[in-house]
């Protein structure tokens, strides 16, 4: 089962594996965001080693002229050791991305880290040498997300909206799926109305249909936003959206840390286990 999961949902162990998968996905008319697996580090040296992989990725993307960018977790850049360290590393990545005509998406982690992550991204985006090269993720299940998006839109920061995968207490996040779905749709509409280029990350066909309907009703061109999905999940839906003229980007993780990555995801949210099992056998 481990080999099945790793081959279906992870693009191999090495950067070269990831490049081959990215090229294959691009040939289907689908863009890519690449994630070198790993989260919290225990030393500054580990953080710098993790960052170096992303610098190599940015150069490889440019050399191969891929339609791809990178997704980075700040805990992997040393956030829990030193927010200043993580911000410095993220700044260097954003400058590199800007120089290469690429883009860095800062992933959102659990709610303990929401504010510090937002603060770092807003400070970096405010700097003229990286303004167009950094964006963030917002999770629709958090009560605070509408206010956060209002601020991010005022700043002109690009957002990837997802539902959220971490186990959060009911005083922080909507406990009911129906409420999360309603909030996702509400926040999607805010992003679609924005002049910035945003991403809606979901495999939920109801959420996708709601976004398509809203965009059509309000004359929002399909080139102004994209749908994002996980590598290996709902490939049929990815292809269908491309055929309909929508932009699609696939989140492609790679690296040796795939096993703890999936085990953490399953432990955080048991519904993820059902979701992955369905897609393994789809």
C-alpha atoms as a PDB file:
ATOM      1  CA  UNK A   1       0.000   0.000   0.000  1.00  0.00           C
ATOM      2  CA  UNK A   2       2.887   2.388   0.790  1.00  0.00           C
ATOM      3  CA  UNK A   3       4.301   2.055  -2.721  1.00  0.00           C
ATOM      4  CA  UNK A   4       0.823   2.579  -4.174  1.00  0.00           C
ATOM      5  CA  UNK A   5       0.288   5.775  -2.196  1.00  0.00           C
ATOM      6  CA  UNK A   6       3.750   7.139  -2.941  1.00  0.00           C
ATOM      7  CA  UNK A   7       3.547   6.532  -6.694  1.00  0.00           C
ATOM      8  CA  UNK A   8       0.009   7.855  -7.019  1.00  0.00           C
ATOM      9  CA  UNK A   9       0.280  10.994  -4.893  1.00  0.00           C
ATOM     10  CA  UNK A  10       4.011  11.805  -4.730  1.00  0.00           C
ATOM     11  CA  UNK A  11       6.256  12.585  -7.714  1.00  0.00           C
ATOM     12  CA  UNK A  12       9.133  10.397  -6.580  1.00  0.00           C
ATOM     13  CA  UNK A  13      11.976  10.986  -4.160  1.00  0.00           C
ATOM     14  CA  UNK A  14      14.251  13.348  -6.143  1.00  0.00           C
ATOM     15  CA  UNK A  15      14.177  16.702  -7.871  1.00  0.00           C
ATOM     16  CA  UNK A  16      14.670  14.970 -11.231  1.00  0.00           C
ATOM     17  CA  UNK A  17      11.604  12.819 -10.520  1.00  0.00           C
ATOM     18  CA  UNK A  18       9.625  15.975  -9.798  1.00  0.00           C
ATOM     19  CA  UNK A  19      10.820  17.626 -13.023  1.00  0.00           C
ATOM     20  CA  UNK A  20       9.732  14.644 -15.097  1.00  0.00           C
ATOM     21  CA  UNK A  21       6.281  14.666 -13.519  1.00  0.00           C
ATOM     22  CA  UNK A  22       5.974  18.434 -13.965  1.00  0.00           C
ATOM     23  CA  UNK A  23       6.831  18.129 -17.659  1.00  0.00           C
ATOM     24  CA  UNK A  24       4.275  15.341 -18.070  1.00  0.00           C
ATOM     25  CA  UNK A  25       1.548  17.355 -16.335  1.00  0.00           C
ATOM     26  CA  UNK A  26       2.386  20.462 -18.386  1.00  0.00           C
ATOM     27  CA  UNK A  27       1.916  18.442 -21.590  1.00  0.00           C
ATOM     28  CA  UNK A  28      -1.713  17.952 -20.530  1.00  0.00           C
ATOM     29  CA  UNK A  29      -2.199  21.718 -20.428  1.00  0.00           C
ATOM     30  CA  UNK A  30      -2.023  21.796 -16.623  1.00  0.00           C
ATOM     31  CA  UNK A  31       0.306  24.019 -14.579  1.00  0.00           C
ATOM     32  CA  UNK A  32       2.200  22.791 -11.515  1.00  0.00           C
ATOM     33  CA  UNK A  33       3.210  23.949  -8.061  1.00  0.00           C
ATOM     34  CA  UNK A  34       6.054  21.913  -6.560  1.00  0.00           C
ATOM     35  CA  UNK A  35       6.452  21.080  -2.882  1.00  0.00           C
ATOM     36  CA  UNK A  36       9.607  19.539  -1.419  1.00  0.00           C
ATOM     37  CA  UNK A  37       8.129  17.481   1.403  1.00  0.00           C
ATOM     38  CA  UNK A  38       9.065  18.198   4.982  1.00  0.00           C
ATOM     39  CA  UNK A  39       7.759  20.511   7.683  1.00  0.00           C
ATOM     40  CA  UNK A  40       9.190  21.503  11.056  1.00  0.00           C
ATOM     41  CA  UNK A  41      12.992  21.504  11.181  1.00  0.00           C
ATOM     42  CA  UNK A  42      15.108  21.273  14.321  1.00  0.00           C
ATOM     43  CA  UNK A  43      18.106  23.418  13.357  1.00  0.00           C
ATOM     44  CA  UNK A  44      19.071  26.435  11.276  1.00  0.00           C
ATOM     45  CA  UNK A  45      21.230  24.201   9.083  1.00  0.00           C
ATOM     46  CA  UNK A  46      18.228  21.996   8.293  1.00  0.00           C
ATOM     47  CA  UNK A  47      16.213  25.065   7.329  1.00  0.00           C
ATOM     48  CA  UNK A  48      18.921  26.262   4.946  1.00  0.00           C
ATOM     49  CA  UNK A  49      19.257  22.785   3.413  1.00  0.00           C
ATOM     50  CA  UNK A  50      15.504  22.676   2.841  1.00  0.00           C
ATOM     51  CA  UNK A  51      15.623  26.127   1.234  1.00  0.00           C
ATOM     52  CA  UNK A  52      18.463  25.088  -1.073  1.00  0.00           C
ATOM     53  CA  UNK A  53      16.215  22.447  -2.639  1.00  0.00           C
ATOM     54  CA  UNK A  54      13.712  25.186  -3.498  1.00  0.00           C
ATOM     55  CA  UNK A  55      16.449  27.354  -5.033  1.00  0.00           C
ATOM     56  CA  UNK A  56      17.432  24.353  -7.168  1.00  0.00           C
ATOM     57  CA  UNK A  57      13.778  23.905  -8.112  1.00  0.00           C
ATOM     58  CA  UNK A  58      13.453  27.531  -9.224  1.00  0.00           C
ATOM     59  CA  UNK A  59      16.523  27.187 -11.451  1.00  0.00           C
ATOM     60  CA  UNK A  60      15.328  23.857 -12.856  1.00  0.00           C
ATOM     61  CA  UNK A  61      11.890  25.314 -13.626  1.00  0.00           C
ATOM     62  CA  UNK A  62      13.500  28.195 -15.509  1.00  0.00           C
ATOM     63  CA  UNK A  63      16.002  25.986 -17.348  1.00  0.00           C
ATOM     64  CA  UNK A  64      13.268  23.627 -18.553  1.00  0.00           C
ATOM     65  CA  UNK A  65      10.796  26.460 -19.211  1.00  0.00           C
ATOM     66  CA  UNK A  66       8.103  24.747 -17.175  1.00  0.00           C
ATOM     67  CA  UNK A  67       4.716  26.230 -16.317  1.00  0.00           C
ATOM     68  CA  UNK A  68       5.421  25.781 -12.627  1.00  0.00           C
ATOM     69  CA  UNK A  69       6.043  27.554  -9.336  1.00  0.00           C
ATOM     70  CA  UNK A  70       6.820  26.466  -5.769  1.00  0.00           C
ATOM     71  CA  UNK A  71       4.849  26.017  -2.529  1.00  0.00           C
ATOM     72  CA  UNK A  72       6.739  26.480   0.732  1.00  0.00           C
ATOM     73  CA  UNK A  73       5.898  25.829   4.385  1.00  0.00           C
ATOM     74  CA  UNK A  74       7.496  28.310   6.762  1.00  0.00           C
ATOM     75  CA  UNK A  75       8.041  25.668   9.466  1.00  0.00           C
ATOM     76  CA  UNK A  76      10.341  23.956   6.953  1.00  0.00           C
ATOM     77  CA  UNK A  77      12.209  27.288   6.728  1.00  0.00           C
ATOM     78  CA  UNK A  78      12.675  27.419  10.509  1.00  0.00           C
ATOM     79  CA  UNK A  79       9.592  29.363  11.615  1.00  0.00           C
ATOM     80  CA  UNK A  80       9.301  27.553  14.945  1.00  0.00           C
ATOM     81  CA  UNK A  81      12.999  28.140  15.622  1.00  0.00           C
ATOM     82  CA  UNK A  82      13.010  31.812  14.657  1.00  0.00           C
ATOM     83  CA  UNK A  83      10.410  33.809  12.692  1.00  0.00           C
ATOM     84  CA  UNK A  84      13.234  36.086  11.545  1.00  0.00           C
ATOM     85  CA  UNK A  85      15.116  33.105  10.083  1.00  0.00           C
ATOM     86  CA  UNK A  86      12.016  31.929   8.207  1.00  0.00           C
ATOM     87  CA  UNK A  87      11.341  35.429   6.889  1.00  0.00           C
ATOM     88  CA  UNK A  88      14.917  35.824   5.667  1.00  0.00           C
ATOM     89  CA  UNK A  89      14.827  32.472   3.871  1.00  0.00           C
ATOM     90  CA  UNK A  90      11.408  33.228   2.353  1.00  0.00           C
ATOM     91  CA  UNK A  91      12.677  36.630   1.190  1.00  0.00           C
ATOM     92  CA  UNK A  92      15.632  35.024  -0.582  1.00  0.00           C
ATOM     93  CA  UNK A  93      13.310  32.558  -2.303  1.00  0.00           C
ATOM     94  CA  UNK A  94      10.936  35.328  -3.384  1.00  0.00           C
ATOM     95  CA  UNK A  95      13.825  37.383  -4.822  1.00  0.00           C
ATOM     96  CA  UNK A  96      15.045  34.326  -6.708  1.00  0.00           C
ATOM     97  CA  UNK A  97      11.532  33.648  -8.004  1.00  0.00           C
ATOM     98  CA  UNK A  98      11.128  37.269  -9.103  1.00  0.00           C
ATOM     99  CA  UNK A  99      14.448  37.141 -10.966  1.00  0.00           C
ATOM    100  CA  UNK A 100      13.359  33.926 -12.708  1.00  0.00           C
ATOM    101  CA  UNK A 101       9.872  35.180 -13.531  1.00  0.00           C
ATOM    102  CA  UNK A 102       8.392  32.636 -11.128  1.00  0.00           C
ATOM    103  CA  UNK A 103       6.318  32.681  -7.955  1.00  0.00           C
ATOM    104  CA  UNK A 104       6.435  31.428  -4.350  1.00  0.00           C
ATOM    105  CA  UNK A 105       3.248  30.378  -2.574  1.00  0.00           C
ATOM    106  CA  UNK A 106       3.577  30.338   1.213  1.00  0.00           C
ATOM    107  CA  UNK A 107       1.457  27.465   2.502  1.00  0.00           C
ATOM    108  CA  UNK A 108      -0.722  27.909   5.572  1.00  0.00           C
ATOM    109  CA  UNK A 109      -0.296  25.511   8.478  1.00  0.00           C
ATOM    110  CA  UNK A 110      -2.265  25.097  11.699  1.00  0.00           C
ATOM    111  CA  UNK A 111      -4.022  28.076  13.287  1.00  0.00           C
ATOM    112  CA  UNK A 112      -1.235  28.707  15.825  1.00  0.00           C
ATOM    113  CA  UNK A 113       0.835  29.951  12.903  1.00  0.00           C
ATOM    114  CA  UNK A 114      -1.789  31.834  10.915  1.00  0.00           C
ATOM    115  CA  UNK A 115      -0.979  35.333  12.154  1.00  0.00           C
ATOM    116  CA  UNK A 116       2.803  35.063  11.959  1.00  0.00           C
ATOM    117  CA  UNK A 117       2.544  33.595   8.445  1.00  0.00           C
ATOM    118  CA  UNK A 118       0.280  36.436   7.331  1.00  0.00           C
ATOM    119  CA  UNK A 119       2.590  39.021   8.873  1.00  0.00           C
ATOM    120  CA  UNK A 120       5.653  37.636   7.088  1.00  0.00           C
ATOM    121  CA  UNK A 121       3.945  37.454   3.693  1.00  0.00           C
ATOM    122  CA  UNK A 122       2.522  40.974   4.009  1.00  0.00           C
ATOM    123  CA  UNK A 123       5.915  42.418   4.921  1.00  0.00           C
ATOM    124  CA  UNK A 124       7.648  40.656   2.030  1.00  0.00           C
ATOM    125  CA  UNK A 125       4.961  41.587  -0.478  1.00  0.00           C
ATOM    126  CA  UNK A 126       5.296  45.236   0.550  1.00  0.00           C
ATOM    127  CA  UNK A 127       8.908  45.217  -0.690  1.00  0.00           C
ATOM    128  CA  UNK A 128       9.181  46.303  -4.314  1.00  0.00           C
ATOM    129  CA  UNK A 129      11.818  43.693  -5.210  1.00  0.00           C
ATOM    130  CA  UNK A 130       9.464  40.787  -4.592  1.00  0.00           C
ATOM    131  CA  UNK A 131       5.921  42.188  -4.735  1.00  0.00           C
ATOM    132  CA  UNK A 132       4.747  40.081  -7.655  1.00  0.00           C
ATOM    133  CA  UNK A 133       6.522  36.931  -6.595  1.00  0.00           C
ATOM    134  CA  UNK A 134       4.885  35.906  -3.313  1.00  0.00           C
ATOM    135  CA  UNK A 135       1.402  34.754  -2.344  1.00  0.00           C
ATOM    136  CA  UNK A 136      -0.339  32.928   0.477  1.00  0.00           C
ATOM    137  CA  UNK A 137      -2.930  30.281   1.339  1.00  0.00           C
ATOM    138  CA  UNK A 138      -6.146  30.959   3.277  1.00  0.00           C
ATOM    139  CA  UNK A 139      -8.243  28.192   4.839  1.00  0.00           C
ATOM    140  CA  UNK A 140     -12.006  28.561   4.557  1.00  0.00           C
ATOM    141  CA  UNK A 141     -12.780  26.655   7.757  1.00  0.00           C
ATOM    142  CA  UNK A 142     -11.279  29.362   9.992  1.00  0.00           C
ATOM    143  CA  UNK A 143     -13.681  32.005  11.314  1.00  0.00           C
ATOM    144  CA  UNK A 144     -11.075  34.706  10.747  1.00  0.00           C
ATOM    145  CA  UNK A 145     -10.547  34.002   7.045  1.00  0.00           C
ATOM    146  CA  UNK A 146     -12.975  36.581   5.642  1.00  0.00           C
ATOM    147  CA  UNK A 147     -11.241  39.388   7.525  1.00  0.00           C
ATOM    148  CA  UNK A 148      -7.849  38.035   6.451  1.00  0.00           C
ATOM    149  CA  UNK A 149      -8.894  37.963   2.800  1.00  0.00           C
ATOM    150  CA  UNK A 150     -10.221  41.512   3.014  1.00  0.00           C
ATOM    151  CA  UNK A 151      -6.786  42.647   4.204  1.00  0.00           C
ATOM    152  CA  UNK A 152      -4.922  40.581   1.616  1.00  0.00           C
ATOM    153  CA  UNK A 153      -7.082  41.944  -1.193  1.00  0.00           C
ATOM    154  CA  UNK A 154      -6.413  45.493   0.020  1.00  0.00           C
ATOM    155  CA  UNK A 155      -2.695  44.684  -0.182  1.00  0.00           C
ATOM    156  CA  UNK A 156      -3.024  43.078  -3.637  1.00  0.00           C
ATOM    157  CA  UNK A 157      -1.666  39.718  -2.470  1.00  0.00           C
ATOM    158  CA  UNK A 158      -2.519  36.599  -4.461  1.00  0.00           C
ATOM    159  CA  UNK A 159      -4.456  33.966  -2.498  1.00  0.00           C
ATOM    160  CA  UNK A 160      -4.944  30.239  -2.814  1.00  0.00           C
ATOM    161  CA  UNK A 161      -8.207  29.373  -1.053  1.00  0.00           C
ATOM    162  CA  UNK A 162      -8.613  25.861   0.352  1.00  0.00           C
ATOM    163  CA  UNK A 163     -11.013  24.364   2.874  1.00  0.00           C
ATOM    164  CA  UNK A 164      -8.325  23.429   5.421  1.00  0.00           C
ATOM    165  CA  UNK A 165      -6.875  20.074   6.446  1.00  0.00           C
ATOM    166  CA  UNK A 166      -5.768  20.493  10.063  1.00  0.00           C
ATOM    167  CA  UNK A 167      -7.768  19.468  13.103  1.00  0.00           C
ATOM    168  CA  UNK A 168      -8.885  22.719  14.731  1.00  0.00           C
ATOM    169  CA  UNK A 169     -11.034  23.421  17.822  1.00  0.00           C
ATOM    170  CA  UNK A 170     -14.607  24.709  17.367  1.00  0.00           C
ATOM    171  CA  UNK A 171     -13.728  28.112  18.810  1.00  0.00           C
ATOM    172  CA  UNK A 172     -11.302  28.630  15.887  1.00  0.00           C
ATOM    173  CA  UNK A 173     -12.903  26.833  12.931  1.00  0.00           C
ATOM    174  CA  UNK A 174     -16.338  25.876  11.664  1.00  0.00           C
ATOM    175  CA  UNK A 175     -16.965  22.308  12.895  1.00  0.00           C
ATOM    176  CA  UNK A 176     -19.699  21.567  10.317  1.00  0.00           C
ATOM    177  CA  UNK A 177     -18.851  20.816   6.688  1.00  0.00           C
ATOM    178  CA  UNK A 178     -21.911  22.710   5.471  1.00  0.00           C
ATOM    179  CA  UNK A 179     -20.656  25.886   7.143  1.00  0.00           C
ATOM    180  CA  UNK A 180     -17.175  25.411   5.704  1.00  0.00           C
ATOM    181  CA  UNK A 181     -18.683  24.959   2.246  1.00  0.00           C
ATOM    182  CA  UNK A 182     -20.754  28.124   2.571  1.00  0.00           C
ATOM    183  CA  UNK A 183     -17.718  30.064   3.690  1.00  0.00           C
ATOM    184  CA  UNK A 184     -15.628  28.647   0.848  1.00  0.00           C
ATOM    185  CA  UNK A 185     -18.206  29.860  -1.671  1.00  0.00           C
ATOM    186  CA  UNK A 186     -18.444  33.297  -0.021  1.00  0.00           C
ATOM    187  CA  UNK A 187     -14.665  33.713   0.010  1.00  0.00           C
ATOM    188  CA  UNK A 188     -14.372  32.391  -3.559  1.00  0.00           C
ATOM    189  CA  UNK A 189     -16.706  35.131  -4.727  1.00  0.00           C
ATOM    190  CA  UNK A 190     -14.578  37.762  -2.994  1.00  0.00           C
ATOM    191  CA  UNK A 191     -11.490  36.451  -4.770  1.00  0.00           C
ATOM    192  CA  UNK A 192     -13.197  36.209  -8.152  1.00  0.00           C
ATOM    193  CA  UNK A 193     -14.236  39.862  -7.911  1.00  0.00           C
ATOM    194  CA  UNK A 194     -10.658  40.910  -7.199  1.00  0.00           C
ATOM    195  CA  UNK A 195      -8.415  42.106 -10.044  1.00  0.00           C
ATOM    196  CA  UNK A 196      -5.547  39.949  -8.731  1.00  0.00           C
ATOM    197  CA  UNK A 197      -5.012  36.391  -9.989  1.00  0.00           C
ATOM    198  CA  UNK A 198      -6.198  33.928  -7.343  1.00  0.00           C
ATOM    199  CA  UNK A 199      -6.545  30.149  -7.003  1.00  0.00           C
ATOM    200  CA  UNK A 200      -9.445  28.016  -5.752  1.00  0.00           C
ATOM    201  CA  UNK A 201      -8.081  24.745  -4.384  1.00  0.00           C
ATOM    202  CA  UNK A 202     -10.770  22.089  -4.169  1.00  0.00           C
ATOM    203  CA  UNK A 203     -11.801  18.698  -5.532  1.00  0.00           C
ATOM    204  CA  UNK A 204     -15.420  19.352  -4.531  1.00  0.00           C
ATOM    205  CA  UNK A 205     -17.487  19.561  -7.688  1.00  0.00           C
ATOM    206  CA  UNK A 206     -20.153  21.605  -5.911  1.00  0.00           C
ATOM    207  CA  UNK A 207     -17.586  24.269  -4.992  1.00  0.00           C
ATOM    208  CA  UNK A 208     -16.208  24.237  -8.527  1.00  0.00           C
ATOM    209  CA  UNK A 209     -19.697  24.541 -10.032  1.00  0.00           C
ATOM    210  CA  UNK A 210     -20.502  27.475  -7.738  1.00  0.00           C
ATOM    211  CA  UNK A 211     -17.341  29.303  -8.807  1.00  0.00           C
ATOM    212  CA  UNK A 212     -17.977  28.648 -12.499  1.00  0.00           C
ATOM    213  CA  UNK A 213     -21.554  29.884 -12.178  1.00  0.00           C
ATOM    214  CA  UNK A 214     -20.524  33.045 -10.318  1.00  0.00           C
ATOM    215  CA  UNK A 215     -17.781  33.852 -12.827  1.00  0.00           C
ATOM    216  CA  UNK A 216     -20.133  33.366 -15.785  1.00  0.00           C
ATOM    217  CA  UNK A 217     -22.898  35.448 -14.206  1.00  0.00           C
ATOM    218  CA  UNK A 218     -20.552  38.355 -13.459  1.00  0.00           C
ATOM    219  CA  UNK A 219     -18.558  38.281 -16.688  1.00  0.00           C
ATOM    220  CA  UNK A 220     -15.329  37.163 -15.015  1.00  0.00           C
ATOM    221  CA  UNK A 221     -13.021  35.744 -17.670  1.00  0.00           C
ATOM    222  CA  UNK A 222     -11.658  32.229 -17.120  1.00  0.00           C
ATOM    223  CA  UNK A 223      -8.113  33.564 -17.499  1.00  0.00           C
ATOM    224  CA  UNK A 224      -8.442  35.608 -14.280  1.00  0.00           C
ATOM    225  CA  UNK A 225      -8.316  32.660 -11.868  1.00  0.00           C
ATOM    226  CA  UNK A 226      -7.335  29.012 -11.639  1.00  0.00           C
ATOM    227  CA  UNK A 227      -8.502  25.824  -9.972  1.00  0.00           C
ATOM    228  CA  UNK A 228      -5.925  23.829  -8.010  1.00  0.00           C
ATOM    229  CA  UNK A 229      -5.930  20.148  -7.117  1.00  0.00           C
ATOM    230  CA  UNK A 230      -3.582  17.534  -5.683  1.00  0.00           C
ATOM    231  CA  UNK A 231      -1.408  15.386  -7.910  1.00  0.00           C
ATOM    232  CA  UNK A 232      -3.081  12.030  -8.421  1.00  0.00           C
ATOM    233  CA  UNK A 233      -6.527  13.136  -7.214  1.00  0.00           C
ATOM    234  CA  UNK A 234      -9.477  13.609  -9.596  1.00  0.00           C
ATOM    235  CA  UNK A 235      -7.377  13.561 -12.727  1.00  0.00           C
ATOM    236  CA  UNK A 236     -10.602  13.147 -14.694  1.00  0.00           C
ATOM    237  CA  UNK A 237     -11.912  16.428 -13.291  1.00  0.00           C
ATOM    238  CA  UNK A 238      -8.617  18.183 -13.971  1.00  0.00           C
ATOM    239  CA  UNK A 239      -8.760  17.183 -17.642  1.00  0.00           C
ATOM    240  CA  UNK A 240     -12.434  18.135 -17.918  1.00  0.00           C
ATOM    241  CA  UNK A 241     -11.781  21.645 -16.595  1.00  0.00           C
ATOM    242  CA  UNK A 242      -8.913  22.137 -19.028  1.00  0.00           C
ATOM    243  CA  UNK A 243     -11.128  21.015 -21.904  1.00  0.00           C
ATOM    244  CA  UNK A 244     -13.697  23.594 -20.789  1.00  0.00           C
ATOM    245  CA  UNK A 245     -11.088  26.331 -20.986  1.00  0.00           C
ATOM    246  CA  UNK A 246     -10.339  26.788 -17.286  1.00  0.00           C
ATOM    247  CA  UNK A 247      -6.852  27.136 -15.893  1.00  0.00           C
ATOM    248  CA  UNK A 248      -5.793  24.257 -13.653  1.00  0.00           C
ATOM    249  CA  UNK A 249      -2.707  23.839 -11.476  1.00  0.00           C
ATOM    250  CA  UNK A 250      -1.706  20.607  -9.757  1.00  0.00           C
ATOM    251  CA  UNK A 251       0.087  20.518  -6.399  1.00  0.00           C
ATOM    252  CA  UNK A 252       2.987  18.100  -6.871  1.00  0.00           C
ATOM    253  CA  UNK A 253       4.855  16.964  -3.720  1.00  0.00           C
ATOM    254  CA  UNK A 254       8.107  15.020  -3.863  1.00  0.00           C
ATOM    255  CA  UNK A 255      10.862  13.834  -1.579  1.00  0.00           C
ATOM    256  CA  UNK A 256      11.749  11.222   0.994  1.00  0.00           C
ATOM    257  CA  UNK A 257       9.441  12.661   3.643  1.00  0.00           C
ATOM    258  CA  UNK A 258       6.294  11.379   1.919  1.00  0.00           C
ATOM    259  CA  UNK A 259       5.444   8.771   4.580  1.00  0.00           C
ATOM    260  CA  UNK A 260       5.364  11.071   7.640  1.00  0.00           C
ATOM    261  CA  UNK A 261       3.635  13.679   5.487  1.00  0.00           C
ATOM    262  CA  UNK A 262       0.720  11.374   4.717  1.00  0.00           C
ATOM    263  CA  UNK A 263       0.574   9.930   8.219  1.00  0.00           C
ATOM    264  CA  UNK A 264       0.298  13.440   9.683  1.00  0.00           C
ATOM    265  CA  UNK A 265      -2.422  14.376   7.223  1.00  0.00           C
ATOM    266  CA  UNK A 266      -4.411  11.262   8.103  1.00  0.00           C
ATOM    267  CA  UNK A 267      -3.932  11.756  11.848  1.00  0.00           C
ATOM    268  CA  UNK A 268      -4.961  15.404  11.700  1.00  0.00           C
ATOM    269  CA  UNK A 269      -8.205  14.734   9.892  1.00  0.00           C
ATOM    270  CA  UNK A 270      -9.649  11.197   9.675  1.00  0.00           C
ATOM    271  CA  UNK A 271     -11.808  12.194   6.700  1.00  0.00           C
ATOM    272  CA  UNK A 272      -8.571  12.445   4.718  1.00  0.00           C
ATOM    273  CA  UNK A 273      -8.102   8.672   5.039  1.00  0.00           C
ATOM    274  CA  UNK A 274     -11.449   8.022   3.373  1.00  0.00           C
ATOM    275  CA  UNK A 275     -10.665  10.614   0.701  1.00  0.00           C
ATOM    276  CA  UNK A 276      -7.293   9.060  -0.134  1.00  0.00           C
ATOM    277  CA  UNK A 277      -8.681   5.518  -0.098  1.00  0.00           C
ATOM    278  CA  UNK A 278     -11.414   6.451  -2.561  1.00  0.00           C
ATOM    279  CA  UNK A 279      -8.876   7.966  -4.934  1.00  0.00           C
ATOM    280  CA  UNK A 280      -6.432   5.072  -4.692  1.00  0.00           C
ATOM    281  CA  UNK A 281      -9.161   2.746  -5.980  1.00  0.00           C
ATOM    282  CA  UNK A 282     -10.858   5.254  -8.333  1.00  0.00           C
END
